[in-house]
N, C-alpha and C. Protein backbone atom coordinates (compact mmCIF):
# COMPACT_ATOMS: atom_id res chain seq x y z
N MET A 1 99.91 141.99 76.10
CA MET A 1 100.22 141.90 74.83
C MET A 1 100.16 143.58 74.30
N SER A 2 101.44 144.31 73.97
CA SER A 2 101.41 145.41 73.38
C SER A 2 101.44 145.38 71.83
N GLY A 3 100.65 146.59 71.66
CA GLY A 3 100.95 146.82 69.72
C GLY A 3 100.52 148.02 69.69
N THR A 4 100.16 148.19 68.64
CA THR A 4 99.68 149.72 68.08
C THR A 4 98.21 149.35 67.04
N GLY A 5 97.60 150.55 67.02
CA GLY A 5 96.46 150.58 66.14
C GLY A 5 95.43 149.84 66.78
N ALA A 6 94.36 149.49 66.24
CA ALA A 6 93.13 149.03 66.71
C ALA A 6 93.10 147.73 67.28
N GLY A 7 93.95 146.83 67.22
CA GLY A 7 94.10 145.74 67.88
C GLY A 7 95.06 145.49 69.07
N GLY A 8 95.99 146.88 69.33
CA GLY A 8 96.85 146.56 70.63
C GLY A 8 96.41 147.39 71.51
N ASP A 9 97.29 147.20 72.74
CA ASP A 9 96.93 148.20 73.76
C ASP A 9 97.18 149.60 74.07
N ILE A 10 98.16 149.88 72.77
CA ILE A 10 98.53 151.27 72.59
C ILE A 10 98.05 151.95 71.68
N PRO A 11 96.89 153.01 71.75
CA PRO A 11 96.17 153.76 70.69
C PRO A 11 96.91 154.27 69.65
N GLU A 12 96.46 154.27 68.61
CA GLU A 12 97.42 154.97 67.55
C GLU A 12 97.35 156.27 67.69
N SER A 13 98.49 157.10 67.29
CA SER A 13 98.77 158.51 67.77
C SER A 13 98.16 159.31 66.56
N ARG A 14 97.25 159.97 67.01
CA ARG A 14 96.42 160.91 65.92
C ARG A 14 96.64 162.19 66.59
N PRO A 15 96.67 163.21 65.56
CA PRO A 15 97.02 164.61 65.96
C PRO A 15 95.53 165.21 66.01
N THR A 16 95.51 165.80 67.25
CA THR A 16 94.04 166.70 67.68
C THR A 16 94.04 167.54 66.51
N VAL A 17 92.69 167.96 66.48
CA VAL A 17 92.31 169.07 65.84
C VAL A 17 93.23 170.18 65.97
N GLU A 18 93.32 170.55 67.26
CA GLU A 18 94.38 171.94 67.51
C GLU A 18 95.71 171.58 66.99
N GLY A 19 96.19 170.40 67.29
CA GLY A 19 97.54 170.03 66.90
C GLY A 19 97.61 170.09 65.34
N SER A 20 96.63 169.60 64.58
CA SER A 20 96.86 169.41 63.14
C SER A 20 96.50 170.68 62.48
N GLY A 21 95.95 171.60 63.23
CA GLY A 21 95.83 173.05 62.79
C GLY A 21 97.19 173.68 63.02
N ARG A 22 97.87 173.66 64.17
CA ARG A 22 98.96 174.33 64.22
C ARG A 22 100.00 173.92 63.30
N TYR A 23 99.95 172.60 63.03
CA TYR A 23 101.04 171.87 62.08
C TYR A 23 100.74 172.80 60.63
N LEU A 24 99.51 172.91 60.25
CA LEU A 24 99.18 173.29 58.74
C LEU A 24 99.35 174.93 58.94
N LEU A 25 99.05 175.66 59.97
CA LEU A 25 99.57 177.18 59.97
C LEU A 25 101.08 176.86 59.86
N ALA A 26 101.88 176.29 60.47
CA ALA A 26 103.32 176.40 60.52
C ALA A 26 103.76 175.82 58.81
N LYS A 27 103.20 174.73 58.38
CA LYS A 27 103.39 174.52 56.89
C LYS A 27 103.09 175.79 56.01
N ILE A 28 101.74 176.22 56.17
CA ILE A 28 101.43 177.25 55.27
C ILE A 28 102.44 178.57 55.11
N ARG A 29 102.75 179.01 56.67
CA ARG A 29 103.64 180.25 56.60
C ARG A 29 105.15 179.81 56.08
N ASP A 30 105.47 178.79 56.23
CA ASP A 30 107.04 178.07 55.92
C ASP A 30 107.00 178.23 54.34
N ALA A 31 105.78 177.65 53.65
CA ALA A 31 105.81 177.54 52.02
C ALA A 31 105.58 179.26 51.67
N LEU A 32 104.80 180.07 52.28
CA LEU A 32 104.93 181.36 51.70
C LEU A 32 105.93 182.08 51.69
N ALA A 33 106.99 181.72 53.10
CA ALA A 33 108.16 182.17 53.06
C ALA A 33 109.13 181.61 52.14
N LYS A 34 108.90 180.19 51.77
CA LYS A 34 110.22 179.98 51.11
C LYS A 34 109.79 179.67 49.25
N ASP A 35 108.61 179.57 49.32
CA ASP A 35 108.31 179.34 47.68
C ASP A 35 108.50 180.64 46.71
N PRO A 36 109.40 180.55 45.86
CA PRO A 36 110.08 181.68 45.18
C PRO A 36 108.92 182.51 44.25
N ARG A 37 107.96 181.94 44.12
CA ARG A 37 106.58 182.78 43.47
C ARG A 37 105.94 183.64 44.69
N VAL A 38 106.21 183.27 45.82
CA VAL A 38 105.81 184.40 47.02
C VAL A 38 107.01 184.87 47.59
N ASN A 39 107.79 184.31 48.19
CA ASN A 39 108.82 184.84 49.36
C ASN A 39 108.55 185.82 49.99
N GLU A 40 107.36 185.52 50.60
CA GLU A 40 107.00 186.80 51.67
C GLU A 40 106.88 186.06 53.04
N PRO A 41 107.65 186.12 54.06
CA PRO A 41 107.62 185.61 55.44
C PRO A 41 106.77 186.29 56.24
N GLU A 42 106.36 187.65 55.99
CA GLU A 42 105.95 188.60 56.96
C GLU A 42 104.26 188.26 56.87
N LEU A 43 103.82 187.65 55.81
CA LEU A 43 102.21 187.49 55.76
C LEU A 43 101.69 186.98 57.11
N VAL A 44 100.38 187.30 57.10
CA VAL A 44 99.67 186.77 58.56
C VAL A 44 98.72 185.84 57.71
N VAL A 45 99.01 184.50 58.41
CA VAL A 45 98.08 183.47 58.35
C VAL A 45 97.35 183.09 59.64
N VAL A 46 95.85 182.90 59.24
CA VAL A 46 94.98 182.48 60.29
C VAL A 46 94.25 181.08 59.66
N VAL A 47 94.17 180.20 60.57
CA VAL A 47 93.67 179.07 60.12
C VAL A 47 92.34 178.97 61.02
N SER A 48 91.21 178.61 60.65
CA SER A 48 89.95 178.67 61.50
C SER A 48 89.11 177.68 60.74
N GLY A 49 88.53 176.60 61.33
CA GLY A 49 87.79 175.61 60.76
C GLY A 49 88.36 174.99 59.48
N GLY A 50 87.44 175.16 58.50
CA GLY A 50 87.85 174.88 57.03
C GLY A 50 88.74 176.15 56.23
N THR A 51 88.54 177.12 56.59
CA THR A 51 89.46 178.30 56.11
C THR A 51 90.65 178.89 56.53
N VAL A 52 91.28 179.20 55.20
CA VAL A 52 92.47 179.62 55.75
C VAL A 52 92.44 181.22 55.15
N MET A 53 92.70 182.05 56.04
CA MET A 53 92.92 183.51 55.56
C MET A 53 94.46 183.96 55.62
N VAL A 54 94.96 184.61 54.64
CA VAL A 54 96.18 185.44 54.66
C VAL A 54 96.10 186.82 54.37
N SER A 55 96.69 187.84 55.06
CA SER A 55 96.62 189.21 55.02
C SER A 55 98.02 189.57 54.89
N GLY A 56 98.28 190.71 54.47
CA GLY A 56 99.58 191.48 54.43
C GLY A 56 99.93 192.14 53.16
N THR A 57 100.87 192.49 52.86
CA THR A 57 101.29 193.61 51.64
C THR A 57 102.00 192.47 50.43
N VAL A 58 101.92 192.65 49.53
CA VAL A 58 102.63 191.88 48.56
C VAL A 58 103.09 192.86 47.74
N PRO A 59 104.28 192.81 46.75
CA PRO A 59 104.76 193.94 45.88
C PRO A 59 104.22 194.09 44.54
N THR A 60 103.42 192.95 43.72
CA THR A 60 102.87 192.75 42.94
C THR A 60 101.62 191.84 42.76
N GLU A 61 100.90 192.17 41.77
CA GLU A 61 99.50 191.24 41.67
C GLU A 61 99.82 189.90 41.45
N GLY A 62 100.78 189.62 40.50
CA GLY A 62 101.44 188.39 40.50
C GLY A 62 101.72 187.37 41.89
N ARG A 63 102.47 188.09 42.76
CA ARG A 63 102.76 187.33 43.86
C ARG A 63 101.15 187.12 44.73
N ARG A 64 100.37 188.19 44.65
CA ARG A 64 99.16 188.08 45.43
C ARG A 64 98.54 186.76 44.98
N LYS A 65 98.41 186.55 43.58
CA LYS A 65 98.03 185.52 43.06
C LYS A 65 98.28 184.11 43.38
N ALA A 66 99.87 184.26 43.52
CA ALA A 66 100.58 183.14 43.89
C ALA A 66 100.23 182.59 45.26
N VAL A 67 100.14 183.59 46.24
CA VAL A 67 99.63 183.28 47.47
C VAL A 67 98.43 182.42 47.82
N SER A 68 97.31 182.49 46.85
CA SER A 68 96.45 181.45 46.98
C SER A 68 96.74 180.32 46.14
N GLU A 69 97.41 180.09 45.10
CA GLU A 69 98.04 179.27 44.62
C GLU A 69 98.95 178.13 45.91
N VAL A 70 99.70 178.76 46.07
CA VAL A 70 100.46 178.26 47.51
C VAL A 70 99.58 177.66 48.34
N VAL A 71 98.64 178.35 48.87
CA VAL A 71 97.75 177.89 50.14
C VAL A 71 96.95 176.74 49.71
N ARG A 72 96.48 176.83 48.46
CA ARG A 72 95.72 175.65 47.92
C ARG A 72 96.53 174.61 47.69
N GLN A 73 97.49 174.59 47.40
CA GLN A 73 98.58 173.31 47.42
C GLN A 73 98.95 172.78 48.78
N ILE A 74 99.08 173.56 49.54
CA ILE A 74 99.35 173.16 51.05
C ILE A 74 97.82 172.75 51.61
N ALA A 75 96.89 173.17 51.45
CA ALA A 75 95.58 172.91 52.19
C ALA A 75 94.37 172.58 51.25
N PRO A 76 94.69 171.67 50.21
CA PRO A 76 93.49 171.46 49.07
C PRO A 76 92.45 171.08 49.87
N GLY A 77 91.28 171.53 49.40
CA GLY A 77 89.78 171.45 49.91
C GLY A 77 89.42 172.43 50.86
N MET A 78 90.34 173.39 51.47
CA MET A 78 89.92 174.30 52.31
C MET A 78 89.53 175.56 51.56
N GLU A 79 88.76 176.40 52.20
CA GLU A 79 88.60 177.74 51.68
C GLU A 79 89.80 178.60 51.78
N VAL A 80 90.10 179.47 50.89
CA VAL A 80 91.34 180.08 50.84
C VAL A 80 90.56 181.66 51.00
N ARG A 81 90.77 182.51 51.67
CA ARG A 81 90.54 183.98 51.78
C ARG A 81 91.75 184.77 51.33
N ASN A 82 92.04 185.06 50.44
CA ASN A 82 93.46 186.24 50.38
C ASN A 82 93.10 187.61 50.44
N ALA A 83 93.55 188.12 51.50
CA ALA A 83 93.09 189.32 51.63
C ALA A 83 94.45 190.37 51.80
N THR A 84 95.45 189.76 51.00
CA THR A 84 96.61 190.25 50.73
C THR A 84 96.27 191.69 49.87
N GLU A 85 96.99 192.58 49.67
CA GLU A 85 97.13 193.81 49.15
C GLU A 85 98.36 194.02 48.43
N VAL A 86 98.26 194.80 47.09
CA VAL A 86 99.72 195.10 46.70
C VAL A 86 99.93 196.41 46.84
N GLY A 87 101.09 196.36 47.23
CA GLY A 87 101.91 197.95 47.68
C GLY A 87 103.09 197.66 48.35
N PRO A 88 103.70 198.74 48.53
CA PRO A 88 105.37 198.75 49.12
C PRO A 88 105.38 197.91 50.35
N ALA A 89 106.27 197.17 50.48
CA ALA A 89 106.78 196.38 51.76
C ALA A 89 106.51 197.17 53.12
N LEU A 90 106.29 196.62 54.35
CA LEU A 90 106.68 197.33 55.38
C LEU A 90 108.12 197.75 55.44
N GLY A 91 108.61 198.93 55.90
CA GLY A 91 109.64 199.28 55.86
C GLY A 91 110.31 199.54 54.71
N GLU A 92 109.74 199.55 53.64
CA GLU A 92 110.35 199.86 52.14
C GLU A 92 110.10 201.41 52.31
N PRO A 93 111.12 202.17 51.83
CA PRO A 93 110.98 203.59 51.50
C PRO A 93 109.78 203.87 50.43
N ARG A 94 109.12 204.79 50.99
CA ARG A 94 108.15 205.46 49.84
C ARG A 94 108.98 206.35 49.08
N VAL A 95 108.73 206.52 47.71
CA VAL A 95 109.33 207.64 46.92
C VAL A 95 108.48 208.70 46.42
N GLU A 96 108.58 209.70 47.03
CA GLU A 96 107.42 210.94 46.58
C GLU A 96 108.41 212.08 46.02
N SER A 97 107.71 212.72 45.01
CA SER A 97 108.37 213.47 44.11
C SER A 97 107.64 214.89 44.45
N VAL A 98 108.56 215.98 44.65
CA VAL A 98 108.07 217.26 44.97
C VAL A 98 108.51 218.19 43.70
N GLU A 99 107.14 218.83 43.31
CA GLU A 99 107.28 219.67 42.01
C GLU A 99 107.33 221.15 42.58
């Protein structure tokens, strides 16, 4: 007799902790890159245990706040550590005035 689930010969397919962590990481990175409130594909995301940590540079305080909001929507119940900083993006030219 073949079947799925608790009563069959084939065990249910459940993601491993490691596999689900990779999936969550990819989902968070994708959301941070595509959500119009954030739109930041270069942020660094680390998922460890029950914590998501995001670091990098964003151009405004509004985007910094949106990072936390987006992560909480994707990973409800997890601790969010938003270590992003407001400043010029990498590769963005700095404007210096010479007097």
